[in-house]
Amino acid sequence: EIVSKEETEKDAATDSRPKVAAGTVEISSSDSTVNVFKSNGGQILTSLMAGGWQYMLAGARANVGLTSGRYLFEVRLLELHFRADVTQ
């Protein structure tokens, strides 16, 4: 007996609103914590990791916001930690 498996999640309706142009979304420096720095043309975010700054939460926001609908963003995490507390 063949059982039909219907897709339970339906596709969203076609959106006719204008799309955001490529290259217009970026990280806003004014909406970032003081320990966040942009590098590589805004493609990489770096936080301070010395002098006690490593204990502060680092955060940043983009210059474009979404209020509804389906959306996707991609993030690649690059981490390299040096031990700042060296005892002798």
C-alpha atoms as a PDB file:
ATOM      1  CA  GLU A   1       0.000   0.000   0.000  1.00  0.00           C
ATOM      2  CA  ILE A   2       1.405   3.418  -0.962  1.00  0.00           C
ATOM      3  CA  VAL A   3       0.830   6.145   1.614  1.00  0.00           C
ATOM      4  CA  SER A   4       0.855   9.753   0.425  1.00  0.00           C
ATOM      5  CA  LYS A   5       3.052  11.994   2.559  1.00  0.00           C
ATOM      6  CA  GLU A   6       1.805  15.544   2.246  1.00  0.00           C
ATOM      7  CA  GLU A   7       4.202  18.370   3.065  1.00  0.00           C
ATOM      8  CA  THR A   8       3.091  19.833   6.402  1.00  0.00           C
ATOM      9  CA  GLU A   9       4.769  23.215   5.912  1.00  0.00           C
ATOM     10  CA  LYS A  10       3.430  25.284   3.052  1.00  0.00           C
ATOM     11  CA  ASP A  11       5.438  27.875   1.130  1.00  0.00           C
ATOM     12  CA  ALA A  12       4.793  31.499   1.956  1.00  0.00           C
ATOM     13  CA  ALA A  13       2.855  33.617  -0.499  1.00  0.00           C
ATOM     14  CA  THR A  14       4.911  35.495  -3.089  1.00  0.00           C
ATOM     15  CA  ASP A  15       6.079  38.821  -1.674  1.00  0.00           C
ATOM     16  CA  SER A  16       5.643  41.776  -4.021  1.00  0.00           C
ATOM     17  CA  ARG A  17       7.357  44.318  -1.756  1.00  0.00           C
ATOM     18  CA  PRO A  18      10.705  45.749  -2.936  1.00  0.00           C
ATOM     19  CA  LYS A  19      13.790  43.779  -1.895  1.00  0.00           C
ATOM     20  CA  VAL A  20      16.745  45.233  -0.020  1.00  0.00           C
ATOM     21  CA  ALA A  21      19.570  45.863  -2.481  1.00  0.00           C
ATOM     22  CA  ALA A  22      22.744  43.837  -2.047  1.00  0.00           C
ATOM     23  CA  GLY A  23      25.433  45.692  -0.130  1.00  0.00           C
ATOM     24  CA  THR A  24      23.090  48.071   1.706  1.00  0.00           C
ATOM     25  CA  VAL A  25      22.878  46.112   4.960  1.00  0.00           C
ATOM     26  CA  GLU A  26      25.814  46.676   7.291  1.00  0.00           C
ATOM     27  CA  ILE A  27      26.678  46.732  10.979  1.00  0.00           C
ATOM     28  CA  SER A  28      25.832  50.066  12.602  1.00  0.00           C
ATOM     29  CA  SER A  29      28.734  51.513  14.599  1.00  0.00           C
ATOM     30  CA  SER A  30      26.406  53.782  16.571  1.00  0.00           C
ATOM     31  CA  ASP A  31      24.298  50.786  17.690  1.00  0.00           C
ATOM     32  CA  SER A  32      27.271  48.724  18.905  1.00  0.00           C
ATOM     33  CA  THR A  33      28.823  48.387  22.327  1.00  0.00           C
ATOM     34  CA  VAL A  34      32.031  50.345  22.910  1.00  0.00           C
ATOM     35  CA  ASN A  35      34.207  47.228  22.732  1.00  0.00           C
ATOM     36  CA  VAL A  36      33.174  46.193  19.187  1.00  0.00           C
ATOM     37  CA  PHE A  37      35.282  47.136  16.158  1.00  0.00           C
ATOM     38  CA  LYS A  38      34.614  46.517  12.481  1.00  0.00           C
ATOM     39  CA  SER A  39      37.414  45.363  10.200  1.00  0.00           C
ATOM     40  CA  ASN A  40      37.795  44.083   6.652  1.00  0.00           C
ATOM     41  CA  GLY A  41      35.292  46.608   5.331  1.00  0.00           C
ATOM     42  CA  GLY A  42      32.704  45.732   7.973  1.00  0.00           C
ATOM     43  CA  GLN A  43      32.836  42.022   7.183  1.00  0.00           C
ATOM     44  CA  ILE A  44      34.486  41.046  10.492  1.00  0.00           C
ATOM     45  CA  LEU A  45      33.551  42.162  13.995  1.00  0.00           C
ATOM     46  CA  THR A  46      36.152  42.088  16.739  1.00  0.00           C
ATOM     47  CA  SER A  47      35.840  42.743  20.453  1.00  0.00           C
ATOM     48  CA  LEU A  48      38.478  43.855  22.927  1.00  0.00           C
ATOM     49  CA  MET A  49      39.912  40.941  24.890  1.00  0.00           C
ATOM     50  CA  ALA A  50      42.379  42.643  27.267  1.00  0.00           C
ATOM     51  CA  GLY A  51      42.344  44.913  30.276  1.00  0.00           C
ATOM     52  CA  GLY A  52      39.053  43.582  31.643  1.00  0.00           C
ATOM     53  CA  TRP A  53      37.122  44.180  28.398  1.00  0.00           C
ATOM     54  CA  GLN A  54      36.863  40.414  27.822  1.00  0.00           C
ATOM     55  CA  TYR A  55      34.255  40.290  30.609  1.00  0.00           C
ATOM     56  CA  MET A  56      31.948  42.810  28.907  1.00  0.00           C
ATOM     57  CA  LEU A  57      29.275  41.534  26.548  1.00  0.00           C
ATOM     58  CA  ALA A  58      29.969  42.698  22.986  1.00  0.00           C
ATOM     59  CA  GLY A  59      26.999  43.364  20.720  1.00  0.00           C
ATOM     60  CA  ALA A  60      26.137  45.037  17.440  1.00  0.00           C
ATOM     61  CA  ARG A  61      23.040  45.675  15.325  1.00  0.00           C
ATOM     62  CA  ALA A  62      22.495  46.086  11.614  1.00  0.00           C
ATOM     63  CA  ASN A  63      21.185  49.226   9.949  1.00  0.00           C
ATOM     64  CA  VAL A  64      18.111  47.389   8.572  1.00  0.00           C
ATOM     65  CA  GLY A  65      15.341  45.747  10.587  1.00  0.00           C
ATOM     66  CA  LEU A  66      12.714  43.155   9.725  1.00  0.00           C
ATOM     67  CA  THR A  67       9.234  43.119  11.195  1.00  0.00           C
ATOM     68  CA  SER A  68       7.540  40.115   9.610  1.00  0.00           C
ATOM     69  CA  GLY A  69       7.917  37.327   7.107  1.00  0.00           C
ATOM     70  CA  ARG A  70      10.573  34.704   6.629  1.00  0.00           C
ATOM     71  CA  TYR A  71      14.186  35.737   6.603  1.00  0.00           C
ATOM     72  CA  LEU A  72      17.629  34.234   6.842  1.00  0.00           C
ATOM     73  CA  PHE A  73      20.989  35.589   7.837  1.00  0.00           C
ATOM     74  CA  GLU A  74      24.295  33.836   7.812  1.00  0.00           C
ATOM     75  CA  VAL A  75      27.052  34.246  10.371  1.00  0.00           C
ATOM     76  CA  ARG A  76      30.502  32.714  10.507  1.00  0.00           C
ATOM     77  CA  LEU A  77      32.192  32.755  13.900  1.00  0.00           C
ATOM     78  CA  LEU A  78      35.943  33.254  13.936  1.00  0.00           C
ATOM     79  CA  GLU A  79      37.505  32.974  17.386  1.00  0.00           C
ATOM     80  CA  LEU A  80      41.054  33.216  18.564  1.00  0.00           C
ATOM     81  CA  HIS A  81      41.599  33.681  22.279  1.00  0.00           C
ATOM     82  CA  PHE A  82      44.844  34.524  23.999  1.00  0.00           C
ATOM     83  CA  ARG A  83      45.192  34.138  27.714  1.00  0.00           C
ATOM     84  CA  ALA A  84      45.557  37.664  29.105  1.00  0.00           C
ATOM     85  CA  ASP A  85      46.163  36.574  32.718  1.00  0.00           C
ATOM     86  CA  VAL A  86      49.715  35.270  32.658  1.00  0.00           C
ATOM     87  CA  THR A  87      51.166  34.565  36.097  1.00  0.00           C
ATOM     88  CA  GLN A  88      54.877  34.440  36.641  1.00  0.00           C
END
